[in-house]
Amino acid sequence: MPSTPGVSARRDLASSPGEKRAAARAIEDHIEPGTRAAGRWADDENGAAVREFAARDGDGWVTSAALKKAHGAWADQVKNLMDRLGAERDALRSGNAVLTSTDLAVGSTLRERSALDTF
């Protein structure tokens, strides 16, 4: 957090259109693929562990079911993270358009003062 009292914005926050495009590109080119790959790796490793603890003689280990359940929670978290990254990426790309549209909308409601306004 900044050291200036009353200021809550971070100094390294991307605010120019170029910085926002670069941040969106970094999410798309590096963070999302890495997150997706980590999720796939966990799928593969967990699947192997579940198979090792699975029933071979009819009983199996309780660990197998617990791993399946934990993996379901992990998969949900990965999906939520990917959705969040996508939303952040899209927001970074559309931020300037939203502000421009707002500026144009406000500007269209303004009119010049007329001498007749004082009567």
PDB file of N, CA and C in Angstrom:
ATOM      1  N   MET A   1       0.845  -1.179   0.000  1.00  0.00           N
ATOM      2  CA  MET A   1       0.000   0.000   0.000  1.00  0.00           C
ATOM      3  C   MET A   1       0.887   1.238   0.000  1.00  0.00           C
ATOM      4  N   PRO A   2       0.384   2.332  -0.556  1.00  0.00           N
ATOM      5  CA  PRO A   2       1.194   3.538  -0.616  1.00  0.00           C
ATOM      6  C   PRO A   2       1.401   4.143   0.762  1.00  0.00           C
ATOM      7  N   SER A   3       2.474   4.916   0.877  1.00  0.00           N
ATOM      8  CA  SER A   3       2.776   5.532   2.165  1.00  0.00           C
ATOM      9  C   SER A   3       2.101   6.887   2.324  1.00  0.00           C
ATOM     10  N   THR A   4       1.494   7.408   1.273  1.00  0.00           N
ATOM     11  CA  THR A   4       0.816   8.693   1.343  1.00  0.00           C
ATOM     12  C   THR A   4      -0.550   8.513   1.993  1.00  0.00           C
ATOM     13  N   PRO A   5      -0.808   9.229   3.109  1.00  0.00           N
ATOM     14  CA  PRO A   5      -2.112   9.093   3.765  1.00  0.00           C
ATOM     15  C   PRO A   5      -3.246   9.509   2.832  1.00  0.00           C
ATOM     16  N   GLY A   6      -4.322   8.755   2.849  1.00  0.00           N
ATOM     17  CA  GLY A   6      -5.489   9.088   2.049  1.00  0.00           C
ATOM     18  C   GLY A   6      -5.423   8.581   0.620  1.00  0.00           C
ATOM     19  N   VAL A   7      -4.297   8.028   0.205  1.00  0.00           N
ATOM     20  CA  VAL A   7      -4.162   7.510  -1.151  1.00  0.00           C
ATOM     21  C   VAL A   7      -4.174   5.992  -1.072  1.00  0.00           C
ATOM     22  N   SER A   8      -5.132   5.377  -1.766  1.00  0.00           N
ATOM     23  CA  SER A   8      -5.244   3.927  -1.669  1.00  0.00           C
ATOM     24  C   SER A   8      -4.752   3.199  -2.912  1.00  0.00           C
ATOM     25  N   ALA A   9      -4.494   3.901  -3.999  1.00  0.00           N
ATOM     26  CA  ALA A   9      -4.053   3.243  -5.224  1.00  0.00           C
ATOM     27  C   ALA A   9      -2.574   2.887  -5.155  1.00  0.00           C
ATOM     28  N   ARG A  10      -2.246   1.747  -5.718  1.00  0.00           N
ATOM     29  CA  ARG A  10      -0.842   1.344  -5.776  1.00  0.00           C
ATOM     30  C   ARG A  10      -0.140   2.160  -6.848  1.00  0.00           C
ATOM     31  N   ARG A  11       1.126   2.452  -6.626  1.00  0.00           N
ATOM     32  CA  ARG A  11       1.887   3.240  -7.593  1.00  0.00           C
ATOM     33  C   ARG A  11       2.206   2.445  -8.858  1.00  0.00           C
ATOM     34  N   ASP A  12       2.270   1.133  -8.777  1.00  0.00           N
ATOM     35  CA  ASP A  12       2.620   0.326  -9.942  1.00  0.00           C
ATOM     36  C   ASP A  12       1.391  -0.224 -10.673  1.00  0.00           C
ATOM     37  N   LEU A  13       0.222   0.325 -10.409  1.00  0.00           N
ATOM     38  CA  LEU A  13      -1.004  -0.105 -11.046  1.00  0.00           C
ATOM     39  C   LEU A  13      -0.992   0.320 -12.513  1.00  0.00           C
ATOM     40  N   ALA A  14      -1.267  -0.610 -13.416  1.00  0.00           N
ATOM     41  CA  ALA A  14      -1.300  -0.298 -14.845  1.00  0.00           C
ATOM     42  C   ALA A  14      -2.505   0.585 -15.130  1.00  0.00           C
ATOM     43  N   SER A  15      -2.255   1.790 -15.630  1.00  0.00           N
ATOM     44  CA  SER A  15      -3.375   2.684 -15.875  1.00  0.00           C
ATOM     45  C   SER A  15      -3.401   3.237 -17.290  1.00  0.00           C
ATOM     46  N   SER A  16      -2.287   3.250 -17.987  1.00  0.00           N
ATOM     47  CA  SER A  16      -2.305   3.757 -19.359  1.00  0.00           C
ATOM     48  C   SER A  16      -2.826   2.654 -20.280  1.00  0.00           C
ATOM     49  N   PRO A  17      -3.357   3.030 -21.425  1.00  0.00           N
ATOM     50  CA  PRO A  17      -3.851   2.008 -22.358  1.00  0.00           C
ATOM     51  C   PRO A  17      -2.773   0.982 -22.733  1.00  0.00           C
ATOM     52  N   GLY A  18      -1.548   1.434 -22.925  1.00  0.00           N
ATOM     53  CA  GLY A  18      -0.462   0.514 -23.270  1.00  0.00           C
ATOM     54  C   GLY A  18      -0.152  -0.460 -22.154  1.00  0.00           C
ATOM     55  N   GLU A  19      -0.146   0.029 -20.915  1.00  0.00           N
ATOM     56  CA  GLU A  19       0.115  -0.849 -19.768  1.00  0.00           C
ATOM     57  C   GLU A  19      -1.008  -1.866 -19.588  1.00  0.00           C
ATOM     58  N   LYS A  20      -2.244  -1.425 -19.817  1.00  0.00           N
ATOM     59  CA  LYS A  20      -3.378  -2.339 -19.696  1.00  0.00           C
ATOM     60  C   LYS A  20      -3.322  -3.419 -20.772  1.00  0.00           C
ATOM     61  N   ARG A  21      -2.973  -3.021 -22.002  1.00  0.00           N
ATOM     62  CA  ARG A  21      -2.839  -4.019 -23.074  1.00  0.00           C
ATOM     63  C   ARG A  21      -1.735  -5.019 -22.738  1.00  0.00           C
ATOM     64  N   ALA A  22      -0.612  -4.499 -22.216  1.00  0.00           N
ATOM     65  CA  ALA A  22       0.505  -5.382 -21.849  1.00  0.00           C
ATOM     66  C   ALA A  22       0.102  -6.336 -20.725  1.00  0.00           C
ATOM     67  N   ALA A  23      -0.643  -5.844 -19.748  1.00  0.00           N
ATOM     68  CA  ALA A  23      -1.088  -6.699 -18.644  1.00  0.00           C
ATOM     69  C   ALA A  23      -2.055  -7.770 -19.153  1.00  0.00           C
ATOM     70  N   ALA A  24      -2.978  -7.383 -20.033  1.00  0.00           N
ATOM     71  CA  ALA A  24      -3.916  -8.354 -20.608  1.00  0.00           C
ATOM     72  C   ALA A  24      -3.161  -9.397 -21.428  1.00  0.00           C
ATOM     73  N   ARG A  25      -2.165  -8.955 -22.182  1.00  0.00           N
ATOM     74  CA  ARG A  25      -1.355  -9.875 -22.989  1.00  0.00           C
ATOM     75  C   ARG A  25      -0.570 -10.842 -22.094  1.00  0.00           C
ATOM     76  N   ALA A  26      -0.042 -10.332 -20.974  1.00  0.00           N
ATOM     77  CA  ALA A  26       0.697 -11.195 -20.039  1.00  0.00           C
ATOM     78  C   ALA A  26      -0.220 -12.264 -19.452  1.00  0.00           C
ATOM     79  N   ILE A  27      -1.441 -11.880 -19.112  1.00  0.00           N
ATOM     80  CA  ILE A  27      -2.400 -12.860 -18.596  1.00  0.00           C
ATOM     81  C   ILE A  27      -2.670 -13.916 -19.661  1.00  0.00           C
ATOM     82  N   GLU A  28      -2.926 -13.454 -20.889  1.00  0.00           N
ATOM     83  CA  GLU A  28      -3.289 -14.368 -21.969  1.00  0.00           C
ATOM     84  C   GLU A  28      -2.125 -15.257 -22.414  1.00  0.00           C
ATOM     85  N   ASP A  29      -0.926 -14.687 -22.514  1.00  0.00           N
ATOM     86  CA  ASP A  29       0.216 -15.425 -23.069  1.00  0.00           C
ATOM     87  C   ASP A  29       0.989 -16.240 -22.045  1.00  0.00           C
ATOM     88  N   HIS A  30       0.948 -15.843 -20.773  1.00  0.00           N
ATOM     89  CA  HIS A  30       1.793 -16.507 -19.781  1.00  0.00           C
ATOM     90  C   HIS A  30       1.016 -17.093 -18.597  1.00  0.00           C
ATOM     91  N   ILE A  31       0.183 -16.284 -17.977  1.00  0.00           N
ATOM     92  CA  ILE A  31      -0.459 -16.721 -16.733  1.00  0.00           C
ATOM     93  C   ILE A  31      -1.527 -17.782 -16.994  1.00  0.00           C
ATOM     94  N   GLU A  32      -2.424 -17.525 -17.960  1.00  0.00           N
ATOM     95  CA  GLU A  32      -3.466 -18.518 -18.253  1.00  0.00           C
ATOM     96  C   GLU A  32      -2.882 -19.854 -18.730  1.00  0.00           C
ATOM     97  N   PRO A  33      -1.953 -19.849 -19.697  1.00  0.00           N
ATOM     98  CA  PRO A  33      -1.394 -21.148 -20.116  1.00  0.00           C
ATOM     99  C   PRO A  33      -0.673 -21.881 -18.981  1.00  0.00           C
ATOM    100  N   GLY A  34       0.052 -21.155 -18.150  1.00  0.00           N
ATOM    101  CA  GLY A  34       0.745 -21.785 -17.026  1.00  0.00           C
ATOM    102  C   GLY A  34      -0.221 -22.366 -16.015  1.00  0.00           C
ATOM    103  N   THR A  35      -1.293 -21.643 -15.757  1.00  0.00           N
ATOM    104  CA  THR A  35      -2.309 -22.124 -14.817  1.00  0.00           C
ATOM    105  C   THR A  35      -3.002 -23.363 -15.377  1.00  0.00           C
ATOM    106  N   ARG A  36      -3.331 -23.311 -16.671  1.00  0.00           N
ATOM    107  CA  ARG A  36      -3.963 -24.455 -17.327  1.00  0.00           C
ATOM    108  C   ARG A  36      -3.044 -25.683 -17.275  1.00  0.00           C
ATOM    109  N   ALA A  37      -1.758 -25.474 -17.549  1.00  0.00           N
ATOM    110  CA  ALA A  37      -0.793 -26.583 -17.524  1.00  0.00           C
ATOM    111  C   ALA A  37      -0.662 -27.165 -16.116  1.00  0.00           C
ATOM    112  N   ALA A  38      -0.646 -26.304 -15.109  1.00  0.00           N
ATOM    113  CA  ALA A  38      -0.559 -26.783 -13.722  1.00  0.00           C
ATOM    114  C   ALA A  38      -1.797 -27.598 -13.362  1.00  0.00           C
ATOM    115  N   GLY A  39      -2.954 -27.157 -13.833  1.00  0.00           N
ATOM    116  CA  GLY A  39      -4.178 -27.910 -13.585  1.00  0.00           C
ATOM    117  C   GLY A  39      -4.149 -29.277 -14.243  1.00  0.00           C
ATOM    118  N   ARG A  40      -3.642 -29.337 -15.493  1.00  0.00           N
ATOM    119  CA  ARG A  40      -3.532 -30.630 -16.188  1.00  0.00           C
ATOM    120  C   ARG A  40      -2.542 -31.551 -15.485  1.00  0.00           C
ATOM    121  N   TRP A  41      -1.425 -30.980 -15.031  1.00  0.00           N
ATOM    122  CA  TRP A  41      -0.426 -31.785 -14.322  1.00  0.00           C
ATOM    123  C   TRP A  41      -1.054 -32.411 -13.082  1.00  0.00           C
ATOM    124  N   ALA A  42      -1.808 -31.605 -12.340  1.00  0.00           N
ATOM    125  CA  ALA A  42      -2.467 -32.127 -11.138  1.00  0.00           C
ATOM    126  C   ALA A  42      -3.468 -33.215 -11.509  1.00  0.00           C
ATOM    127  N   ASP A  43      -4.174 -33.040 -12.636  1.00  0.00           N
ATOM    128  CA  ASP A  43      -5.103 -34.083 -13.094  1.00  0.00           C
ATOM    129  C   ASP A  43      -4.373 -35.400 -13.308  1.00  0.00           C
ATOM    130  N   ASP A  44      -3.259 -35.330 -14.019  1.00  0.00           N
ATOM    131  CA  ASP A  44      -2.499 -36.545 -14.334  1.00  0.00           C
ATOM    132  C   ASP A  44      -1.950 -37.210 -13.078  1.00  0.00           C
ATOM    133  N   GLU A  45      -1.327 -36.409 -12.220  1.00  0.00           N
ATOM    134  CA  GLU A  45      -0.719 -36.963 -11.006  1.00  0.00           C
ATOM    135  C   GLU A  45      -1.772 -37.538 -10.061  1.00  0.00           C
ATOM    136  N   ASN A  46      -2.877 -36.820  -9.915  1.00  0.00           N
ATOM    137  CA  ASN A  46      -3.938 -37.302  -9.036  1.00  0.00           C
ATOM    138  C   ASN A  46      -4.552 -38.579  -9.597  1.00  0.00           C
ATOM    139  N   GLY A  47      -4.756 -38.608 -10.911  1.00  0.00           N
ATOM    140  CA  GLY A  47      -5.309 -39.809 -11.534  1.00  0.00           C
ATOM    141  C   GLY A  47      -4.437 -41.029 -11.282  1.00  0.00           C
ATOM    142  N   ALA A  48      -3.124 -40.839 -11.367  1.00  0.00           N
ATOM    143  CA  ALA A  48      -2.199 -41.946 -11.109  1.00  0.00           C
ATOM    144  C   ALA A  48      -2.291 -42.408  -9.655  1.00  0.00           C
ATOM    145  N   ALA A  49      -2.379 -41.461  -8.732  1.00  0.00           N
ATOM    146  CA  ALA A  49      -2.478 -41.820  -7.309  1.00  0.00           C
ATOM    147  C   ALA A  49      -3.789 -42.544  -7.019  1.00  0.00           C
ATOM    148  N   VAL A  50      -4.888 -42.067  -7.616  1.00  0.00           N
ATOM    149  CA  VAL A  50      -6.189 -42.717  -7.407  1.00  0.00           C
ATOM    150  C   VAL A  50      -6.130 -44.154  -7.912  1.00  0.00           C
ATOM    151  N   ARG A  51      -5.511 -44.360  -9.079  1.00  0.00           N
ATOM    152  CA  ARG A  51      -5.402 -45.727  -9.621  1.00  0.00           C
ATOM    153  C   ARG A  51      -4.568 -46.630  -8.710  1.00  0.00           C
ATOM    154  N   GLU A  52      -3.512 -46.088  -8.134  1.00  0.00           N
ATOM    155  CA  GLU A  52      -2.664 -46.898  -7.254  1.00  0.00           C
ATOM    156  C   GLU A  52      -3.405 -47.348  -5.995  1.00  0.00           C
ATOM    157  N   PHE A  53      -4.268 -46.474  -5.476  1.00  0.00           N
ATOM    158  CA  PHE A  53      -4.997 -46.805  -4.250  1.00  0.00           C
ATOM    159  C   PHE A  53      -6.358 -47.447  -4.528  1.00  0.00           C
ATOM    160  N   ALA A  54      -6.716 -47.598  -5.798  1.00  0.00           N
ATOM    161  CA  ALA A  54      -8.040 -48.117  -6.159  1.00  0.00           C
ATOM    162  C   ALA A  54      -8.160 -49.595  -5.795  1.00  0.00           C
ATOM    163  N   ALA A  55      -9.404 -50.053  -5.814  1.00  0.00           N
ATOM    164  CA  ALA A  55      -9.703 -51.446  -5.455  1.00  0.00           C
ATOM    165  C   ALA A  55      -9.183 -52.388  -6.526  1.00  0.00           C
ATOM    166  N   ARG A  56      -8.382 -53.328  -6.095  1.00  0.00           N
ATOM    167  CA  ARG A  56      -7.917 -54.381  -7.002  1.00  0.00           C
ATOM    168  C   ARG A  56      -8.560 -55.716  -6.612  1.00  0.00           C
ATOM    169  N   ASP A  57      -8.908 -55.801  -5.341  1.00  0.00           N
ATOM    170  CA  ASP A  57      -9.483 -57.052  -4.837  1.00  0.00           C
ATOM    171  C   ASP A  57     -10.917 -56.848  -4.347  1.00  0.00           C
ATOM    172  N   GLY A  58     -11.506 -55.703  -4.722  1.00  0.00           N
ATOM    173  CA  GLY A  58     -12.875 -55.442  -4.307  1.00  0.00           C
ATOM    174  C   GLY A  58     -13.010 -54.418  -3.208  1.00  0.00           C
ATOM    175  N   ASP A  59     -11.956 -54.175  -2.425  1.00  0.00           N
ATOM    176  CA  ASP A  59     -12.060 -53.223  -1.323  1.00  0.00           C
ATOM    177  C   ASP A  59     -11.415 -51.880  -1.659  1.00  0.00           C
ATOM    178  N   GLY A  60     -10.136 -51.864  -1.912  1.00  0.00           N
ATOM    179  CA  GLY A  60      -9.437 -50.614  -2.180  1.00  0.00           C
ATOM    180  C   GLY A  60      -9.193 -49.838  -0.901  1.00  0.00           C
ATOM    181  N   TRP A  61      -8.489 -48.759  -1.045  1.00  0.00           N
ATOM    182  CA  TRP A  61      -8.145 -47.907   0.087  1.00  0.00           C
ATOM    183  C   TRP A  61      -9.119 -46.737   0.173  1.00  0.00           C
ATOM    184  N   VAL A  62      -9.377 -46.289   1.367  1.00  0.00           N
ATOM    185  CA  VAL A  62     -10.204 -45.100   1.576  1.00  0.00           C
ATOM    186  C   VAL A  62      -9.515 -43.887   0.944  1.00  0.00           C
ATOM    187  N   THR A  63      -8.197 -43.944   0.869  1.00  0.00           N
ATOM    188  CA  THR A  63      -7.421 -42.840   0.307  1.00  0.00           C
ATOM    189  C   THR A  63      -7.836 -42.542  -1.124  1.00  0.00           C
ATOM    190  N   SER A  64      -8.178 -43.555  -1.892  1.00  0.00           N
ATOM    191  CA  SER A  64      -8.572 -43.367  -3.284  1.00  0.00           C
ATOM    192  C   SER A  64      -9.795 -42.457  -3.385  1.00  0.00           C
ATOM    193  N   ALA A  65     -10.817 -42.743  -2.598  1.00  0.00           N
ATOM    194  CA  ALA A  65     -12.031 -41.919  -2.606  1.00  0.00           C
ATOM    195  C   ALA A  65     -11.740 -40.510  -2.112  1.00  0.00           C
ATOM    196  N   ALA A  66     -10.889 -40.399  -1.099  1.00  0.00           N
ATOM    197  CA  ALA A  66     -10.546 -39.076  -0.571  1.00  0.00           C
ATOM    198  C   ALA A  66      -9.793 -38.255  -1.608  1.00  0.00           C
ATOM    199  N   LEU A  67      -8.899 -38.898  -2.345  1.00  0.00           N
ATOM    200  CA  LEU A  67      -8.170 -38.194  -3.402  1.00  0.00           C
ATOM    201  C   LEU A  67      -9.111 -37.728  -4.507  1.00  0.00           C
ATOM    202  N   LYS A  68     -10.070 -38.569  -4.863  1.00  0.00           N
ATOM    203  CA  LYS A  68     -11.056 -38.175  -5.879  1.00  0.00           C
ATOM    204  C   LYS A  68     -11.829 -36.941  -5.426  1.00  0.00           C
ATOM    205  N   LYS A  69     -12.253 -36.954  -4.174  1.00  0.00           N
ATOM    206  CA  LYS A  69     -13.019 -35.828  -3.635  1.00  0.00           C
ATOM    207  C   LYS A  69     -12.164 -34.561  -3.596  1.00  0.00           C
ATOM    208  N   ALA A  70     -10.932 -34.687  -3.138  1.00  0.00           N
ATOM    209  CA  ALA A  70     -10.033 -33.529  -3.080  1.00  0.00           C
ATOM    210  C   ALA A  70      -9.750 -33.003  -4.481  1.00  0.00           C
ATOM    211  N   HIS A  71      -9.625 -33.907  -5.437  1.00  0.00           N
ATOM    212  CA  HIS A  71      -9.370 -33.470  -6.807  1.00  0.00           C
ATOM    213  C   HIS A  71     -10.562 -32.722  -7.380  1.00  0.00           C
ATOM    214  N   GLY A  72     -11.759 -33.118  -7.007  1.00  0.00           N
ATOM    215  CA  GLY A  72     -12.946 -32.375  -7.442  1.00  0.00           C
ATOM    216  C   GLY A  72     -12.908 -30.939  -6.952  1.00  0.00           C
ATOM    217  N   ALA A  73     -12.526 -30.748  -5.694  1.00  0.00           N
ATOM    218  CA  ALA A  73     -12.400 -29.389  -5.146  1.00  0.00           C
ATOM    219  C   ALA A  73     -11.294 -28.627  -5.869  1.00  0.00           C
ATOM    220  N   TRP A  74     -10.179 -29.299  -6.135  1.00  0.00           N
ATOM    221  CA  TRP A  74      -9.061 -28.674  -6.858  1.00  0.00           C
ATOM    222  C   TRP A  74      -9.517 -28.232  -8.255  1.00  0.00           C
ATOM    223  N   ALA A  75     -10.229 -29.109  -8.959  1.00  0.00           N
ATOM    224  CA  ALA A  75     -10.696 -28.787 -10.308  1.00  0.00           C
ATOM    225  C   ALA A  75     -11.623 -27.575 -10.286  1.00  0.00           C
ATOM    226  N   ASP A  76     -12.493 -27.495  -9.285  1.00  0.00           N
ATOM    227  CA  ASP A  76     -13.378 -26.331  -9.154  1.00  0.00           C
ATOM    228  C   ASP A  76     -12.567 -25.058  -8.932  1.00  0.00           C
ATOM    229  N   GLN A  77     -11.539 -25.143  -8.111  1.00  0.00           N
ATOM    230  CA  GLN A  77     -10.708 -23.970  -7.843  1.00  0.00           C
ATOM    231  C   GLN A  77      -9.942 -23.536  -9.088  1.00  0.00           C
ATOM    232  N   VAL A  78      -9.437 -24.489  -9.845  1.00  0.00           N
ATOM    233  CA  VAL A  78      -8.731 -24.148 -11.088  1.00  0.00           C
ATOM    234  C   VAL A  78      -9.691 -23.479 -12.057  1.00  0.00           C
ATOM    235  N   LYS A  79     -10.910 -24.016 -12.181  1.00  0.00           N
ATOM    236  CA  LYS A  79     -11.898 -23.412 -13.077  1.00  0.00           C
ATOM    237  C   LYS A  79     -12.230 -21.991 -12.637  1.00  0.00           C
ATOM    238  N   ASN A  80     -12.437 -21.794 -11.331  1.00  0.00           N
ATOM    239  CA  ASN A  80     -12.737 -20.452 -10.829  1.00  0.00           C
ATOM    240  C   ASN A  80     -11.587 -19.494 -11.103  1.00  0.00           C
ATOM    241  N   LEU A  81     -10.356 -19.960 -10.918  1.00  0.00           N
ATOM    242  CA  LEU A  81      -9.198 -19.114 -11.184  1.00  0.00           C
ATOM    243  C   LEU A  81      -9.103 -18.766 -12.663  1.00  0.00           C
ATOM    244  N   MET A  82      -9.331 -19.731 -13.533  1.00  0.00           N
ATOM    245  CA  MET A  82      -9.290 -19.465 -14.976  1.00  0.00           C
ATOM    246  C   MET A  82     -10.382 -18.474 -15.373  1.00  0.00           C
ATOM    247  N   ASP A  83     -11.567 -18.628 -14.794  1.00  0.00           N
ATOM    248  CA  ASP A  83     -12.652 -17.679 -15.068  1.00  0.00           C
ATOM    249  C   ASP A  83     -12.275 -16.280 -14.601  1.00  0.00           C
ATOM    250  N   ARG A  84     -11.671 -16.181 -13.430  1.00  0.00           N
ATOM    251  CA  ARG A  84     -11.256 -14.881 -12.887  1.00  0.00           C
ATOM    252  C   ARG A  84     -10.175 -14.247 -13.755  1.00  0.00           C
ATOM    253  N   LEU A  85      -9.197 -15.052 -14.171  1.00  0.00           N
ATOM    254  CA  LEU A  85      -8.146 -14.526 -15.045  1.00  0.00           C
ATOM    255  C   LEU A  85      -8.737 -14.014 -16.358  1.00  0.00           C
ATOM    256  N   GLY A  86      -9.677 -14.762 -16.916  1.00  0.00           N
ATOM    257  CA  GLY A  86     -10.334 -14.327 -18.147  1.00  0.00           C
ATOM    258  C   GLY A  86     -11.101 -13.029 -17.954  1.00  0.00           C
ATOM    259  N   ALA A  87     -11.786 -12.910 -16.828  1.00  0.00           N
ATOM    260  CA  ALA A  87     -12.532 -11.682 -16.543  1.00  0.00           C
ATOM    261  C   ALA A  87     -11.585 -10.494 -16.361  1.00  0.00           C
ATOM    262  N   GLU A  88     -10.472 -10.715 -15.670  1.00  0.00           N
ATOM    263  CA  GLU A  88      -9.496  -9.632 -15.481  1.00  0.00           C
ATOM    264  C   GLU A  88      -8.896  -9.220 -16.819  1.00  0.00           C
ATOM    265  N   ARG A  89      -8.557 -10.201 -17.643  1.00  0.00           N
ATOM    266  CA  ARG A  89      -8.005  -9.915 -18.973  1.00  0.00           C
ATOM    267  C   ARG A  89      -8.992  -9.089 -19.796  1.00  0.00           C
ATOM    268  N   ASP A  90     -10.249  -9.509 -19.810  1.00  0.00           N
ATOM    269  CA  ASP A  90     -11.266  -8.795 -20.575  1.00  0.00           C
ATOM    270  C   ASP A  90     -11.501  -7.392 -20.029  1.00  0.00           C
ATOM    271  N   ALA A  91     -11.473  -7.249 -18.709  1.00  0.00           N
ATOM    272  CA  ALA A  91     -11.662  -5.931 -18.098  1.00  0.00           C
ATOM    273  C   ALA A  91     -10.509  -5.000 -18.457  1.00  0.00           C
ATOM    274  N   LEU A  92      -9.297  -5.523 -18.477  1.00  0.00           N
ATOM    275  CA  LEU A  92      -8.153  -4.700 -18.859  1.00  0.00           C
ATOM    276  C   LEU A  92      -8.275  -4.243 -20.305  1.00  0.00           C
ATOM    277  N   ARG A  93      -8.801  -5.085 -21.148  1.00  0.00           N
ATOM    278  CA  ARG A  93      -8.944  -4.727 -22.564  1.00  0.00           C
ATOM    279  C   ARG A  93     -10.100  -3.768 -22.807  1.00  0.00           C
ATOM    280  N   SER A  94     -11.137  -3.845 -22.008  1.00  0.00           N
ATOM    281  CA  SER A  94     -12.309  -3.001 -22.249  1.00  0.00           C
ATOM    282  C   SER A  94     -12.348  -1.767 -21.363  1.00  0.00           C
ATOM    283  N   GLY A  95     -11.404  -1.619 -20.449  1.00  0.00           N
ATOM    284  CA  GLY A  95     -11.427  -0.491 -19.516  1.00  0.00           C
ATOM    285  C   GLY A  95     -11.473   0.858 -20.190  1.00  0.00           C
ATOM    286  N   ASN A  96     -10.665   1.061 -21.203  1.00  0.00           N
ATOM    287  CA  ASN A  96     -10.653   2.350 -21.886  1.00  0.00           C
ATOM    288  C   ASN A  96     -11.944   2.588 -22.644  1.00  0.00           C
ATOM    289  N   ALA A  97     -12.511   1.542 -23.237  1.00  0.00           N
ATOM    290  CA  ALA A  97     -13.763   1.686 -23.965  1.00  0.00           C
ATOM    291  C   ALA A  97     -14.885   2.087 -23.019  1.00  0.00           C
ATOM    292  N   VAL A  98     -14.914   1.495 -21.827  1.00  0.00           N
ATOM    293  CA  VAL A  98     -15.951   1.826 -20.849  1.00  0.00           C
ATOM    294  C   VAL A  98     -15.834   3.285 -20.435  1.00  0.00           C
ATOM    295  N   LEU A  99     -14.618   3.723 -20.132  1.00  0.00           N
ATOM    296  CA  LEU A  99     -14.429   5.113 -19.721  1.00  0.00           C
ATOM    297  C   LEU A  99     -14.753   6.070 -20.857  1.00  0.00           C
ATOM    298  N   THR A 100     -14.357   5.723 -22.079  1.00  0.00           N
ATOM    299  CA  THR A 100     -14.651   6.582 -23.222  1.00  0.00           C
ATOM    300  C   THR A 100     -16.150   6.680 -23.426  1.00  0.00           C
ATOM    301  N   SER A 101     -16.851   5.560 -23.344  1.00  0.00           N
ATOM    302  CA  SER A 101     -18.307   5.574 -23.505  1.00  0.00           C
ATOM    303  C   SER A 101     -18.963   6.425 -22.429  1.00  0.00           C
ATOM    304  N   THR A 102     -18.474   6.319 -21.203  1.00  0.00           N
ATOM    305  CA  THR A 102     -19.017   7.123 -20.110  1.00  0.00           C
ATOM    306  C   THR A 102     -18.768   8.597 -20.368  1.00  0.00           C
ATOM    307  N   ASP A 103     -17.561   8.945 -20.792  1.00  0.00           N
ATOM    308  CA  ASP A 103     -17.249  10.339 -21.103  1.00  0.00           C
ATOM    309  C   ASP A 103     -18.155  10.872 -22.202  1.00  0.00           C
ATOM    310  N   LEU A 104     -18.366  10.080 -23.240  1.00  0.00           N
ATOM    311  CA  LEU A 104     -19.231  10.520 -24.336  1.00  0.00           C
ATOM    312  C   LEU A 104     -20.674  10.667 -23.870  1.00  0.00           C
ATOM    313  N   ALA A 105     -21.134   9.757 -23.034  1.00  0.00           N
ATOM    314  CA  ALA A 105     -22.508   9.834 -22.535  1.00  0.00           C
ATOM    315  C   ALA A 105     -22.707  11.081 -21.683  1.00  0.00           C
ATOM    316  N   VAL A 106     -21.753  11.359 -20.806  1.00  0.00           N
ATOM    317  CA  VAL A 106     -21.855  12.557 -19.963  1.00  0.00           C
ATOM    318  C   VAL A 106     -21.760  13.801 -20.828  1.00  0.00           C
ATOM    319  N   GLY A 107     -20.846  13.789 -21.771  1.00  0.00           N
ATOM    320  CA  GLY A 107     -20.673  14.944 -22.649  1.00  0.00           C
ATOM    321  C   GLY A 107     -21.915  15.243 -23.467  1.00  0.00           C
ATOM    322  N   SER A 108     -22.653  14.206 -23.855  1.00  0.00           N
ATOM    323  CA  SER A 108     -23.850  14.427 -24.665  1.00  0.00           C
ATOM    324  C   SER A 108     -24.983  15.046 -23.856  1.00  0.00           C
ATOM    325  N   THR A 109     -24.926  14.950 -22.530  1.00  0.00           N
ATOM    326  CA  THR A 109     -25.980  15.538 -21.705  1.00  0.00           C
ATOM    327  C   THR A 109     -25.696  16.994 -21.358  1.00  0.00           C
ATOM    328  N   LEU A 110     -24.484  17.445 -21.628  1.00  0.00           N
ATOM    329  CA  LEU A 110     -24.119  18.826 -21.330  1.00  0.00           C
ATOM    330  C   LEU A 110     -24.459  19.721 -22.509  1.00  0.00           C
ATOM    331  N   ARG A 111     -24.763  20.947 -22.222  1.00  0.00           N
ATOM    332  CA  ARG A 111     -24.964  21.911 -23.297  1.00  0.00           C
ATOM    333  C   ARG A 111     -24.350  23.225 -22.866  1.00  0.00           C
ATOM    334  N   GLU A 112     -24.099  24.067 -23.835  1.00  0.00           N
ATOM    335  CA  GLU A 112     -23.501  25.359 -23.517  1.00  0.00           C
ATOM    336  C   GLU A 112     -24.532  26.233 -22.816  1.00  0.00           C
ATOM    337  N   ARG A 113     -24.021  27.127 -21.981  1.00  0.00           N
ATOM    338  CA  ARG A 113     -24.919  28.074 -21.314  1.00  0.00           C
ATOM    339  C   ARG A 113     -25.445  29.071 -22.321  1.00  0.00           C
ATOM    340  N   SER A 114     -26.643  29.419 -22.132  1.00  0.00           N
ATOM    341  CA  SER A 114     -27.287  30.392 -23.006  1.00  0.00           C
ATOM    342  C   SER A 114     -27.587  31.645 -22.205  1.00  0.00           C
ATOM    343  N   ALA A 115     -27.615  32.763 -22.875  1.00  0.00           N
ATOM    344  CA  ALA A 115     -27.989  34.018 -22.214  1.00  0.00           C
ATOM    345  C   ALA A 115     -29.429  33.938 -21.717  1.00  0.00           C
ATOM    346  N   LEU A 116     -30.229  33.102 -22.332  1.00  0.00           N
ATOM    347  CA  LEU A 116     -31.629  32.965 -21.930  1.00  0.00           C
ATOM    348  C   LEU A 116     -31.782  32.186 -20.625  1.00  0.00           C
ATOM    349  N   ASP A 117     -30.719  31.484 -20.193  1.00  0.00           N
ATOM    350  CA  ASP A 117     -30.790  30.720 -18.950  1.00  0.00           C
ATOM    351  C   ASP A 117     -30.964  31.618 -17.733  1.00  0.00           C
ATOM    352  N   THR A 118     -30.592  32.886 -17.827  1.00  0.00           N
ATOM    353  CA  THR A 118     -30.675  33.792 -16.676  1.00  0.00           C
ATOM    354  C   THR A 118     -32.051  34.426 -16.529  1.00  0.00           C
ATOM    355  N   PHE A 119     -32.935  34.233 -17.489  1.00  0.00           N
ATOM    356  CA  PHE A 119     -34.264  34.851 -17.396  1.00  0.00           C
ATOM    357  C   PHE A 119     -35.247  33.950 -16.757  1.00  0.00           C
TER     358      PHE A 119
END
